[in-house]
Structure formats: structure tokens, C-alpha cells
Amino acid sequence: MKEKINAIKDTVWNGIAIGFFIPLLPLILVKFLMLKVAAFKELDLLLIGCIAINAILMNYCFKQNKDNIARGIISITFLWAFTFFFYKVY
């Protein structure tokens, strides 16, 4: 896995792409569970868990000295959080 991370070019745009697409799979799974399982209908905090994946990725990228990728991930994480805020308000 470390080789794959090292092979990724250290650009902000790569970080934005990683930060956008990595949380999508758990997000789709959580939304499916919220629709199908009655116990999960009111657990919107599961959505925050999907966004928290980006924090783990960002921390890993900073440790691997991929600062620009980490900056892209944190910027898209703010957009995900903003989207969650609007989801909760409306």
C-alpha cells in the first residue's frame, strides 16, 4: 500500500479526488442501511463516520510527506461537512 501512495503525484487535485471518492462507498452503504433497516433511520452520525475516513487519510498523507495531497483531502472534507450540515438543516 505504501508503494501505491508513494506512486501518486503530490498535487492538491489528487488529494481532492481521493477525498471525494474514498468516502463515497461507505456513504452509499450507510444510506442503504438507513433506508432498509429501521434501527439506522435516525443515526445520522454514521454519515459523519464516512467523512471521518478523510481525516484518517489526511493524517496518513501528512506522515508520508504528501502535504499537497493532504491539503486537497482536508479541503474536500470541509465540503463534505458543509453538505452534511445542509442535510441536517433541511
Protein backbone atom coordinates (compact mmCIF):
# COMPACT_ATOMS: atom_id res chain seq x y z
CA MET A 1 0.00 0.00 0.00
CA LYS A 2 2.86 2.34 0.81
CA GLU A 3 4.22 1.92 -2.71
CA LYS A 4 0.87 2.90 -4.19
CA ILE A 5 0.73 6.03 -2.03
CA ASN A 6 4.29 6.93 -3.00
CA ALA A 7 3.43 6.47 -6.69
CA ILE A 8 0.68 9.11 -6.50
CA LYS A 9 1.90 12.54 -7.58
CA ASP A 10 1.81 15.06 -4.73
CA THR A 11 -0.77 17.54 -6.03
CA VAL A 12 -3.79 19.16 -4.44
CA TRP A 13 -6.02 17.92 -7.28
CA ASN A 14 -5.11 14.31 -6.50
CA GLY A 15 -5.99 14.96 -2.86
CA ILE A 16 -9.35 16.42 -3.86
CA ALA A 17 -10.10 13.36 -6.00
CA ILE A 18 -9.07 10.97 -3.21
CA GLY A 19 -11.04 12.92 -0.61
CA PHE A 20 -14.14 12.92 -2.78
CA PHE A 21 -14.23 9.32 -3.99
CA ILE A 22 -12.95 7.34 -0.97
CA PRO A 23 -15.91 8.24 1.34
CA LEU A 24 -18.48 7.53 -1.40
CA LEU A 25 -18.56 3.73 -0.93
CA PRO A 26 -19.19 3.84 2.84
CA LEU A 27 -21.64 6.70 2.28
CA ILE A 28 -23.68 4.63 -0.18
CA LEU A 29 -23.62 1.67 2.21
CA VAL A 30 -24.74 3.81 5.15
CA LYS A 31 -27.56 5.44 3.15
CA PHE A 32 -28.73 1.97 2.03
CA LEU A 33 -28.75 0.78 5.65
CA MET A 34 -30.60 3.91 6.76
CA LEU A 35 -33.31 3.26 4.18
CA LYS A 36 -33.68 -0.50 4.73
CA VAL A 37 -33.03 -1.01 8.46
CA ALA A 38 -35.38 0.73 10.86
CA ALA A 39 -32.79 0.91 13.66
CA PHE A 40 -30.47 3.03 11.49
CA LYS A 41 -33.07 5.54 10.25
CA GLU A 42 -32.21 8.17 12.86
CA LEU A 43 -28.47 7.54 13.09
CA ASP A 44 -27.18 10.42 11.02
CA LEU A 45 -23.90 10.28 12.92
CA LEU A 46 -22.99 7.30 10.74
CA LEU A 47 -22.64 9.82 7.92
CA ILE A 48 -20.05 11.71 9.94
CA GLY A 49 -18.11 8.46 10.19
CA CYS A 50 -17.91 8.38 6.41
CA ILE A 51 -16.47 11.87 6.44
CA ALA A 52 -14.05 10.92 9.24
CA ILE A 53 -12.37 8.48 6.86
CA ASN A 54 -10.88 11.56 5.19
CA ALA A 55 -9.29 12.62 8.48
CA ILE A 56 -7.53 9.27 8.70
CA LEU A 57 -6.35 9.54 5.10
CA MET A 58 -5.17 13.11 5.67
CA ASN A 59 -3.16 12.10 8.73
CA TYR A 60 -1.55 9.24 6.79
CA CYS A 61 -0.62 11.53 3.91
CA PHE A 62 0.98 14.05 6.25
CA LYS A 63 3.06 11.23 7.78
CA GLN A 64 4.16 10.15 4.28
CA ASN A 65 5.19 13.76 3.44
CA LYS A 66 2.45 14.11 0.83
CA ASP A 67 1.44 17.55 2.09
CA ASN A 68 -0.37 18.71 -1.05
CA ILE A 69 -2.50 15.56 -1.19
CA ALA A 70 -3.39 16.06 2.47
CA ARG A 71 -4.36 19.69 1.77
CA GLY A 72 -6.66 18.55 -1.02
CA ILE A 73 -8.25 15.95 1.25
CA ILE A 74 -8.89 18.49 4.01
CA SER A 75 -10.42 20.96 1.58
CA ILE A 76 -12.89 18.43 0.20
CA THR A 77 -13.60 17.26 3.77
CA PHE A 78 -14.88 20.75 4.55
CA LEU A 79 -17.19 20.49 1.54
CA TRP A 80 -18.46 17.10 2.74
CA ALA A 81 -19.09 18.57 6.21
CA PHE A 82 -20.89 21.55 4.67
CA THR A 83 -23.08 19.14 2.69
CA PHE A 84 -23.85 17.20 5.88
CA PHE A 85 -24.80 20.45 7.60
CA PHE A 86 -27.32 21.26 4.87
CA TYR A 87 -28.62 17.69 5.00
CA LYS A 88 -29.31 18.06 8.72
CA VAL A 89 -30.85 21.53 8.47
CA TYR A 90 -33.20 20.82 5.55
